C-alpha atoms as a PDB file:
ATOM      1  CA  MET A   1     368.209 137.021 100.454  1.00  0.00           C
ATOM      2  CA  CYS A   2     368.086 133.780  98.556  1.00  0.00           C
ATOM      3  CA  ILE A   3     368.940 134.545  94.967  1.00  0.00           C
ATOM      4  CA  ALA A   4     370.783 137.445  93.377  1.00  0.00           C
ATOM      5  CA  TYR A   5     371.933 138.270  89.853  1.00  0.00           C
ATOM      6  CA  LEU A   6     374.939 140.573  89.608  1.00  0.00           C
ATOM      7  CA  ALA A   7     376.364 142.243  86.493  1.00  0.00           C
ATOM      8  CA  ILE A   8     379.510 144.321  86.913  1.00  0.00           C
ATOM      9  CA  GLY A   9     381.918 146.152  84.640  1.00  0.00           C
ATOM     10  CA  ASP A  10     379.743 147.188  81.708  1.00  0.00           C
ATOM     11  CA  PRO A  11     381.060 150.560  80.474  1.00  0.00           C
ATOM     12  CA  ARG A  12     377.583 152.138  80.471  1.00  0.00           C
ATOM     13  CA  TRP A  13     376.098 150.389  83.511  1.00  0.00           C
ATOM     14  CA  PRO A  14     378.982 149.251  85.743  1.00  0.00           C
ATOM     15  CA  LEU A  15     376.655 147.783  88.376  1.00  0.00           C
ATOM     16  CA  PHE A  16     373.340 145.953  88.099  1.00  0.00           C
ATOM     17  CA  ILE A  17     371.766 143.809  90.842  1.00  0.00           C
ATOM     18  CA  ALA A  18     368.443 141.960  90.797  1.00  0.00           C
ATOM     19  CA  ALA A  19     367.612 139.912  93.877  1.00  0.00           C
ATOM     20  CA  ASN A  20     364.863 138.127  95.774  1.00  0.00           C
ATOM     21  CA  ARG A  21     364.858 138.012  99.542  1.00  0.00           C
ATOM     22  CA  ASP A  22     363.264 134.836 100.912  1.00  0.00           C
ATOM     23  CA  GLU A  23     362.411 134.776 104.611  1.00  0.00           C
ATOM     24  CA  TYR A  24     359.818 133.657 107.144  1.00  0.00           C
ATOM     25  CA  HIS A  25     356.813 135.946 106.859  1.00  0.00           C
ATOM     26  CA  ALA A  26     356.666 136.299 110.637  1.00  0.00           C
ATOM     27  CA  ARG A  27     360.156 137.818 110.860  1.00  0.00           C
ATOM     28  CA  PRO A  28     359.740 141.582 111.406  1.00  0.00           C
ATOM     29  CA  THR A  29     361.214 143.627 108.575  1.00  0.00           C
ATOM     30  CA  ALA A  30     361.315 147.246 107.468  1.00  0.00           C
ATOM     31  CA  ALA A  31     361.010 147.826 103.733  1.00  0.00           C
ATOM     32  CA  ALA A  32     363.860 149.531 101.911  1.00  0.00           C
ATOM     33  CA  ALA A  33     364.280 153.214 102.728  1.00  0.00           C
ATOM     34  CA  PRO A  34     367.021 155.702 103.580  1.00  0.00           C
ATOM     35  CA  TRP A  35     368.174 154.833 107.096  1.00  0.00           C
ATOM     36  CA  ALA A  36     367.083 157.334 109.723  1.00  0.00           C
ATOM     37  CA  ASP A  37     370.591 157.933 111.081  1.00  0.00           C
ATOM     38  CA  ARG A  38     372.330 157.469 107.714  1.00  0.00           C
ATOM     39  CA  PRO A  39     370.134 158.843 104.930  1.00  0.00           C
ATOM     40  CA  ASP A  40     372.977 158.236 102.467  1.00  0.00           C
ATOM     41  CA  ILE A  41     372.283 154.488 102.821  1.00  0.00           C
ATOM     42  CA  ILE A  42     369.233 152.770 101.318  1.00  0.00           C
ATOM     43  CA  GLY A  43     368.251 149.267 102.345  1.00  0.00           C
ATOM     44  CA  GLY A  44     365.756 147.162 104.220  1.00  0.00           C
ATOM     45  CA  LEU A  45     366.226 146.299 107.869  1.00  0.00           C
ATOM     46  CA  ASP A  46     365.837 143.084 109.801  1.00  0.00           C
ATOM     47  CA  LEU A  47     364.012 144.403 112.868  1.00  0.00           C
ATOM     48  CA  LEU A  48     364.791 141.249 114.853  1.00  0.00           C
ATOM     49  CA  ALA A  49     368.609 141.229 114.654  1.00  0.00           C
ATOM     50  CA  GLY A  50     369.377 144.689 113.291  1.00  0.00           C
ATOM     51  CA  GLY A  51     371.138 143.745 110.080  1.00  0.00           C
ATOM     52  CA  THR A  52     370.219 143.781 106.412  1.00  0.00           C
ATOM     53  CA  TRP A  53     370.577 141.556 103.368  1.00  0.00           C
ATOM     54  CA  LEU A  54     371.210 144.151 100.651  1.00  0.00           C
ATOM     55  CA  GLY A  55     371.985 147.845 100.576  1.00  0.00           C
ATOM     56  CA  TRP A  56     373.466 150.738  98.633  1.00  0.00           C
ATOM     57  CA  ALA A  57     375.369 153.764  99.946  1.00  0.00           C
ATOM     58  CA  ARG A  58     375.789 157.013  98.059  1.00  0.00           C
ATOM     59  CA  ALA A  59     379.563 156.698  98.487  1.00  0.00           C
ATOM     60  CA  GLY A  60     379.440 154.026  95.776  1.00  0.00           C
ATOM     61  CA  ARG A  61     379.379 151.140  98.255  1.00  0.00           C
ATOM     62  CA  PHE A  62     377.047 148.164  98.119  1.00  0.00           C
ATOM     63  CA  ALA A  63     376.770 144.782  99.788  1.00  0.00           C
ATOM     64  CA  LEU A  64     374.562 141.715  99.607  1.00  0.00           C
ATOM     65  CA  LEU A  65     374.437 138.436 101.491  1.00  0.00           C
ATOM     66  CA  THR A  66     372.855 135.024 101.172  1.00  0.00           C
ATOM     67  CA  ASN A  67     372.741 132.276 103.758  1.00  0.00           C
ATOM     68  CA  TYR A  68     374.422 128.982 102.868  1.00  0.00           C
ATOM     69  CA  ARG A  69     371.896 126.137 103.034  1.00  0.00           C
ATOM     70  CA  GLU A  70     373.067 123.527 105.536  1.00  0.00           C
ATOM     71  CA  PRO A  71     370.052 122.079 107.363  1.00  0.00           C
ATOM     72  CA  GLY A  72     372.211 119.923 109.636  1.00  0.00           C
ATOM     73  CA  ASN A  73     373.937 122.918 111.194  1.00  0.00           C
ATOM     74  CA  ARG A  74     371.949 123.828 114.316  1.00  0.00           C
ATOM     75  CA  ARG A  75     374.668 125.913 115.923  1.00  0.00           C
ATOM     76  CA  SER A  76     373.194 128.647 118.102  1.00  0.00           C
ATOM     77  CA  GLY A  77     374.511 131.825 119.684  1.00  0.00           C
ATOM     78  CA  THR A  78     376.282 133.112 116.566  1.00  0.00           C
ATOM     79  CA  PRO A  79     376.039 136.761 115.454  1.00  0.00           C
ATOM     80  CA  SER A  80     373.475 137.679 112.830  1.00  0.00           C
ATOM     81  CA  ARG A  81     374.944 137.410 109.355  1.00  0.00           C
ATOM     82  CA  GLY A  82     373.009 140.522 108.360  1.00  0.00           C
ATOM     83  CA  VAL A  83     375.420 142.692 110.329  1.00  0.00           C
ATOM     84  CA  LEU A  84     378.088 141.872 107.734  1.00  0.00           C
ATOM     85  CA  VAL A  85     376.186 143.905 105.148  1.00  0.00           C
ATOM     86  CA  ARG A  86     375.173 146.608 107.613  1.00  0.00           C
ATOM     87  CA  ASP A  87     378.685 147.174 108.904  1.00  0.00           C
ATOM     88  CA  PHE A  88     380.192 147.440 105.438  1.00  0.00           C
ATOM     89  CA  LEU A  89     377.628 150.032 104.349  1.00  0.00           C
ATOM     90  CA  ARG A  90     378.178 152.065 107.507  1.00  0.00           C
ATOM     91  CA  GLY A  91     381.957 151.839 107.379  1.00  0.00           C
ATOM     92  CA  ASP A  92     384.697 153.125 105.134  1.00  0.00           C
ATOM     93  CA  ALA A  93     387.008 150.112 104.857  1.00  0.00           C
ATOM     94  CA  PRO A  94     387.857 149.288 101.218  1.00  0.00           C
ATOM     95  CA  ALA A  95     385.833 146.373  99.882  1.00  0.00           C
ATOM     96  CA  ALA A  96     388.966 144.254  99.397  1.00  0.00           C
ATOM     97  CA  VAL A  97     390.081 144.806 102.986  1.00  0.00           C
ATOM     98  CA  TYR A  98     386.629 144.212 104.437  1.00  0.00           C
ATOM     99  CA  ALA A  99     386.063 140.981 102.494  1.00  0.00           C
ATOM    100  CA  ALA A 100     389.444 139.609 103.576  1.00  0.00           C
ATOM    101  CA  ASP A 101     388.770 140.503 107.206  1.00  0.00           C
ATOM    102  CA  ILE A 102     385.346 138.824 107.191  1.00  0.00           C
ATOM    103  CA  GLN A 103     386.810 135.759 105.486  1.00  0.00           C
ATOM    104  CA  SER A 104     389.411 135.498 108.271  1.00  0.00           C
ATOM    105  CA  ARG A 105     386.643 135.626 110.898  1.00  0.00           C
ATOM    106  CA  GLY A 106     384.189 133.416 109.053  1.00  0.00           C
ATOM    107  CA  GLU A 107     384.066 130.723 111.717  1.00  0.00           C
ATOM    108  CA  ASP A 108     382.210 133.162 113.969  1.00  0.00           C
ATOM    109  CA  TYR A 109     379.094 132.877 111.782  1.00  0.00           C
ATOM    110  CA  LYS A 110     376.793 130.292 110.294  1.00  0.00           C
ATOM    111  CA  GLY A 111     377.297 129.678 106.583  1.00  0.00           C
ATOM    112  CA  PHE A 112     377.185 132.771 104.401  1.00  0.00           C
ATOM    113  CA  ASN A 113     378.055 134.259 101.020  1.00  0.00           C
ATOM    114  CA  LEU A 114     378.986 137.937 101.030  1.00  0.00           C
ATOM    115  CA  ILE A 115     379.569 140.282  98.101  1.00  0.00           C
ATOM    116  CA  VAL A 116     380.844 143.790  98.815  1.00  0.00           C
ATOM    117  CA  GLY A 117     381.787 146.509  96.354  1.00  0.00           C
ATOM    118  CA  ASP A 118     383.050 150.055  96.124  1.00  0.00           C
ATOM    119  CA  THR A 119     384.493 152.271  93.428  1.00  0.00           C
ATOM    120  CA  ALA A 120     387.705 150.196  93.447  1.00  0.00           C
ATOM    121  CA  GLY A 121     386.125 146.798  92.805  1.00  0.00           C
ATOM    122  CA  VAL A 122     383.833 143.970  93.878  1.00  0.00           C
ATOM    123  CA  HIS A 123     384.832 141.116  96.198  1.00  0.00           C
ATOM    124  CA  TYR A 124     383.302 137.800  97.262  1.00  0.00           C
ATOM    125  CA  ALA A 125     383.779 135.985 100.571  1.00  0.00           C
ATOM    126  CA  SER A 126     382.194 132.807 101.929  1.00  0.00           C
ATOM    127  CA  ASN A 127     382.951 130.819 105.035  1.00  0.00           C
ATOM    128  CA  ARG A 128     381.927 127.677 103.139  1.00  0.00           C
ATOM    129  CA  ASP A 129     384.248 128.239 100.157  1.00  0.00           C
ATOM    130  CA  PRO A 130     386.825 125.407 100.024  1.00  0.00           C
ATOM    131  CA  LEU A 131     389.375 127.942  98.739  1.00  0.00           C
ATOM    132  CA  ALA A 132     388.978 129.746 102.090  1.00  0.00           C
ATOM    133  CA  ARG A 133     389.896 133.134 100.696  1.00  0.00           C
ATOM    134  CA  ALA A 134     388.137 136.312  99.671  1.00  0.00           C
ATOM    135  CA  ARG A 135     388.582 137.113  96.014  1.00  0.00           C
ATOM    136  CA  PRO A 136     387.910 139.909  93.551  1.00  0.00           C
ATOM    137  CA  LEU A 137     385.252 139.467  90.883  1.00  0.00           C
ATOM    138  CA  ALA A 138     386.145 140.275  87.299  1.00  0.00           C
ATOM    139  CA  SER A 139     383.756 142.088  84.976  1.00  0.00           C
ATOM    140  CA  GLY A 140     380.909 139.782  84.062  1.00  0.00           C
ATOM    141  CA  ARG A 141     377.598 138.361  85.214  1.00  0.00           C
ATOM    142  CA  TYR A 142     377.118 136.152  88.270  1.00  0.00           C
ATOM    143  CA  VAL A 143     374.326 134.346  90.136  1.00  0.00           C
ATOM    144  CA  LEU A 144     374.333 133.656  93.858  1.00  0.00           C
ATOM    145  CA  SER A 145     371.818 131.556  95.741  1.00  0.00           C
ATOM    146  CA  ASN A 146     372.187 129.479  98.917  1.00  0.00           C
ATOM    147  CA  HIS A 147     375.321 127.663  97.817  1.00  0.00           C
ATOM    148  CA  LEU A 148     378.613 129.020  96.498  1.00  0.00           C
ATOM    149  CA  LEU A 149     378.802 131.708  93.820  1.00  0.00           C
ATOM    150  CA  ASP A 150     377.651 130.463  90.392  1.00  0.00           C
ATOM    151  CA  THR A 151     376.611 127.027  91.674  1.00  0.00           C
ATOM    152  CA  PRO A 152     374.397 125.779  88.811  1.00  0.00           C
ATOM    153  CA  TRP A 153     371.199 125.085  90.718  1.00  0.00           C
ATOM    154  CA  PRO A 154     368.116 125.023  88.443  1.00  0.00           C
ATOM    155  CA  LYS A 155     366.761 128.329  89.826  1.00  0.00           C
ATOM    156  CA  ALA A 156     370.124 130.003  89.288  1.00  0.00           C
ATOM    157  CA  GLY A 157     370.378 128.711  85.735  1.00  0.00           C
ATOM    158  CA  ARG A 158     366.875 129.899  84.849  1.00  0.00           C
ATOM    159  CA  LEU A 159     367.459 133.359  86.270  1.00  0.00           C
ATOM    160  CA  ARG A 160     370.834 133.697  84.591  1.00  0.00           C
ATOM    161  CA  ALA A 161     369.454 132.664  81.198  1.00  0.00           C
ATOM    162  CA  ALA A 162     366.534 135.093  81.433  1.00  0.00           C
ATOM    163  CA  LEU A 163     368.640 138.102  82.441  1.00  0.00           C
ATOM    164  CA  ASP A 164     371.745 137.301  80.398  1.00  0.00           C
ATOM    165  CA  ALA A 165     369.558 137.625  77.297  1.00  0.00           C
ATOM    166  CA  ARG A 166     368.918 141.314  78.053  1.00  0.00           C
ATOM    167  CA  PRO A 167     371.451 144.076  77.331  1.00  0.00           C
ATOM    168  CA  PRO A 168     372.551 146.115  80.364  1.00  0.00           C
ATOM    169  CA  GLU A 169     370.625 149.205  79.303  1.00  0.00           C
ATOM    170  CA  VAL A 170     367.403 147.177  79.008  1.00  0.00           C
ATOM    171  CA  LEU A 171     367.907 145.718  82.479  1.00  0.00           C
ATOM    172  CA  ALA A 172     368.573 149.149  83.949  1.00  0.00           C
ATOM    173  CA  ASP A 173     365.723 150.937  82.167  1.00  0.00           C
ATOM    174  CA  ASP A 174     363.025 148.330  82.800  1.00  0.00           C
ATOM    175  CA  PRO A 175     362.785 147.398  86.496  1.00  0.00           C
ATOM    176  CA  ASP A 176     359.201 146.200  85.992  1.00  0.00           C
ATOM    177  CA  GLY A 177     360.418 143.717  83.410  1.00  0.00           C
ATOM    178  CA  VAL A 178     363.116 142.531  85.804  1.00  0.00           C
ATOM    179  CA  PHE A 179     360.560 142.170  88.602  1.00  0.00           C
ATOM    180  CA  ALA A 180     358.512 139.971  86.261  1.00  0.00           C
ATOM    181  CA  VAL A 181     361.511 137.722  85.588  1.00  0.00           C
ATOM    182  CA  LEU A 182     362.166 137.383  89.327  1.00  0.00           C
ATOM    183  CA  ARG A 183     358.542 136.295  89.875  1.00  0.00           C
ATOM    184  CA  ASP A 184     359.247 132.930  88.262  1.00  0.00           C
ATOM    185  CA  ALA A 185     357.540 130.523  90.692  1.00  0.00           C
ATOM    186  CA  GLU A 186     357.704 127.388  88.523  1.00  0.00           C
ATOM    187  CA  PRO A 187     359.397 124.556  90.472  1.00  0.00           C
ATOM    188  CA  ALA A 188     362.186 122.604  88.820  1.00  0.00           C
ATOM    189  CA  ASP A 189     361.686 119.044  87.662  1.00  0.00           C
ATOM    190  CA  ASP A 190     362.471 116.482  90.344  1.00  0.00           C
ATOM    191  CA  ALA A 191     365.163 114.947  88.134  1.00  0.00           C
ATOM    192  CA  ILE A 192     367.337 118.061  88.350  1.00  0.00           C
ATOM    193  CA  LEU A 193     366.699 119.104  91.943  1.00  0.00           C
ATOM    194  CA  PRO A 194     369.837 119.550  94.054  1.00  0.00           C
ATOM    195  CA  ALA A 195     370.243 117.355  97.129  1.00  0.00           C
ATOM    196  CA  THR A 196     370.851 119.781  99.989  1.00  0.00           C
ATOM    197  CA  GLY A 197     369.674 117.681 102.918  1.00  0.00           C
ATOM    198  CA  VAL A 198     366.048 118.823 103.088  1.00  0.00           C
ATOM    199  CA  SER A 199     362.944 116.839 102.138  1.00  0.00           C
ATOM    200  CA  ILE A 200     361.994 116.433  98.490  1.00  0.00           C
ATOM    201  CA  GLU A 201     358.884 118.548  99.126  1.00  0.00           C
ATOM    202  CA  LEU A 202     361.022 121.382 100.460  1.00  0.00           C
ATOM    203  CA  GLU A 203     363.539 121.001  97.622  1.00  0.00           C
ATOM    204  CA  ARG A 204     360.649 121.517  95.194  1.00  0.00           C
ATOM    205  CA  LEU A 205     359.384 124.575  97.044  1.00  0.00           C
ATOM    206  CA  LEU A 206     362.831 126.168  97.133  1.00  0.00           C
ATOM    207  CA  SER A 207     363.706 125.294  93.524  1.00  0.00           C
ATOM    208  CA  SER A 208     362.077 128.332  91.894  1.00  0.00           C
ATOM    209  CA  PRO A 209     363.463 131.882  91.945  1.00  0.00           C
ATOM    210  CA  PHE A 210     360.201 133.121  93.517  1.00  0.00           C
ATOM    211  CA  ILE A 211     358.812 131.173  96.482  1.00  0.00           C
ATOM    212  CA  VAL A 212     355.237 131.214  97.733  1.00  0.00           C
ATOM    213  CA  SER A 213     354.065 129.442 100.887  1.00  0.00           C
ATOM    214  CA  PRO A 214     352.098 130.515 103.974  1.00  0.00           C
ATOM    215  CA  ASP A 215     355.075 130.500 106.340  1.00  0.00           C
ATOM    216  CA  TYR A 216     358.148 131.176 104.188  1.00  0.00           C
ATOM    217  CA  GLY A 217     358.610 132.805 100.836  1.00  0.00           C
ATOM    218  CA  THR A 218     359.847 135.699  98.745  1.00  0.00           C
ATOM    219  CA  ARG A 219     359.333 138.870 100.767  1.00  0.00           C
ATOM    220  CA  CYS A 220     360.689 141.361  98.230  1.00  0.00           C
ATOM    221  CA  THR A 221     362.505 141.853  94.942  1.00  0.00           C
ATOM    222  CA  THR A 222     365.160 144.557  94.659  1.00  0.00           C
ATOM    223  CA  VAL A 223     366.785 146.116  91.594  1.00  0.00           C
ATOM    224  CA  ILE A 224     369.855 148.357  91.805  1.00  0.00           C
ATOM    225  CA  ALA A 225     371.342 149.887  88.655  1.00  0.00           C
ATOM    226  CA  VAL A 226     374.226 152.350  88.607  1.00  0.00           C
ATOM    227  CA  ALA A 227     375.186 154.249  85.452  1.00  0.00           C
ATOM    228  CA  ALA A 228     378.702 155.231  84.440  1.00  0.00           C
ATOM    229  CA  ASP A 229     377.990 158.857  85.369  1.00  0.00           C
ATOM    230  CA  GLY A 230     377.025 157.852  88.908  1.00  0.00           C
ATOM    231  CA  HIS A 231     373.251 158.120  88.599  1.00  0.00           C
ATOM    232  CA  ALA A 232     371.586 155.214  90.376  1.00  0.00           C
ATOM    233  CA  LEU A 233     368.219 153.484  90.514  1.00  0.00           C
ATOM    234  CA  PHE A 234     367.064 151.594  93.610  1.00  0.00           C
ATOM    235  CA  SER A 235     363.675 149.876  93.281  1.00  0.00           C
ATOM    236  CA  GLU A 236     362.022 147.430  95.633  1.00  0.00           C
ATOM    237  CA  GLN A 237     358.749 145.529  95.329  1.00  0.00           C
ATOM    238  CA  SER A 238     357.412 143.772  98.443  1.00  0.00           C
ATOM    239  CA  TYR A 239     355.049 140.778  98.491  1.00  0.00           C
ATOM    240  CA  ASP A 240     352.560 139.332 100.949  1.00  0.00           C
ATOM    241  CA  PRO A 241     352.476 135.623 101.986  1.00  0.00           C
ATOM    242  CA  ALA A 242     350.252 134.824  99.006  1.00  0.00           C
ATOM    243  CA  GLY A 243     352.853 136.269  96.623  1.00  0.00           C
ATOM    244  CA  ARG A 244     350.787 139.352  95.824  1.00  0.00           C
ATOM    245  CA  ALA A 245     352.563 142.643  95.241  1.00  0.00           C
ATOM    246  CA  SER A 246     352.206 145.089  98.123  1.00  0.00           C
ATOM    247  CA  GLU A 247     354.551 148.015  98.839  1.00  0.00           C
ATOM    248  CA  ARG A 248     356.623 149.501  95.999  1.00  0.00           C
ATOM    249  CA  HIS A 249     359.446 151.995  96.512  1.00  0.00           C
ATOM    250  CA  ASP A 250     361.644 153.647  93.889  1.00  0.00           C
ATOM    251  CA  TRP A 251     364.554 156.043  94.205  1.00  0.00           C
ATOM    252  CA  ARG A 252     366.402 157.674  91.327  1.00  0.00           C
ATOM    253  CA  LEU A 253     369.590 159.043  92.853  1.00  0.00           C
ATOM    254  CA  PRO A 254     372.003 161.651  91.489  1.00  0.00           C
ATOM    255  CA  PRO A 255     375.741 161.052  91.574  1.00  0.00           C
ATOM    256  CA  THR A 256     377.438 161.440  94.930  1.00  0.00           C
ATOM    257  CA  PRO A 257     378.763 165.011  95.230  1.00  0.00           C
ATOM    258  CA  PRO A 258     382.566 165.195  95.337  1.00  0.00           C
ATOM    259  CA  ARG A 259     384.076 165.615  98.785  1.00  0.00           C
ATOM    260  CA  ALA A 260     385.267 169.082  99.673  1.00  0.00           C
END
């Protein structure tokens, strides 16, 4: 995943996520669905390495991950970063404990940003954060791309401005409108492009929230909205290499039944 908008703590809609996953079109992927061996979990699957980039579990757990852009790092043999999301969704460790554990083992992986949440709170960890610690996120709205949380890249600023202008109930009730916002493919002006170590042509391509190119681009947009009463919406729209909408999947989920 390459850009995600996260709103947490609203009394009516305590969780809202809108995210684009950018990836090579040749990388085999399964669209979001309940997992065969864990139907209480909904998410896509990376069929190459077995992980995922974003998912929701009926126990009130969620996780999302972005890679940290560092083109000079060609380290090989590291575990897939997607397992960090997968393992949290499958497990039962509290989000605070899991984030701290992953932060302590961050050197095992290439650069990543990880957000995990459960009914007790939401936590952020990154092995490229100079603070070198996992931390809780207060109620509010955040944007995460391929740098640290809330880094003001042009694409992050545009997405934040567009979604911040909408009340939580509008975001949650209008996934099609959110999908339209996430389809912003206008590149940023050269004067405000970040300098991340790639060519200027690639900086331009990657500077929009929605990316279209023959080899690499936005593969899907996902919206997750959870109401105060526990009802949840999970919607995903997939795209082909030309940026055309293809598969669409929607789940409206009842609250998790209380444990016996």
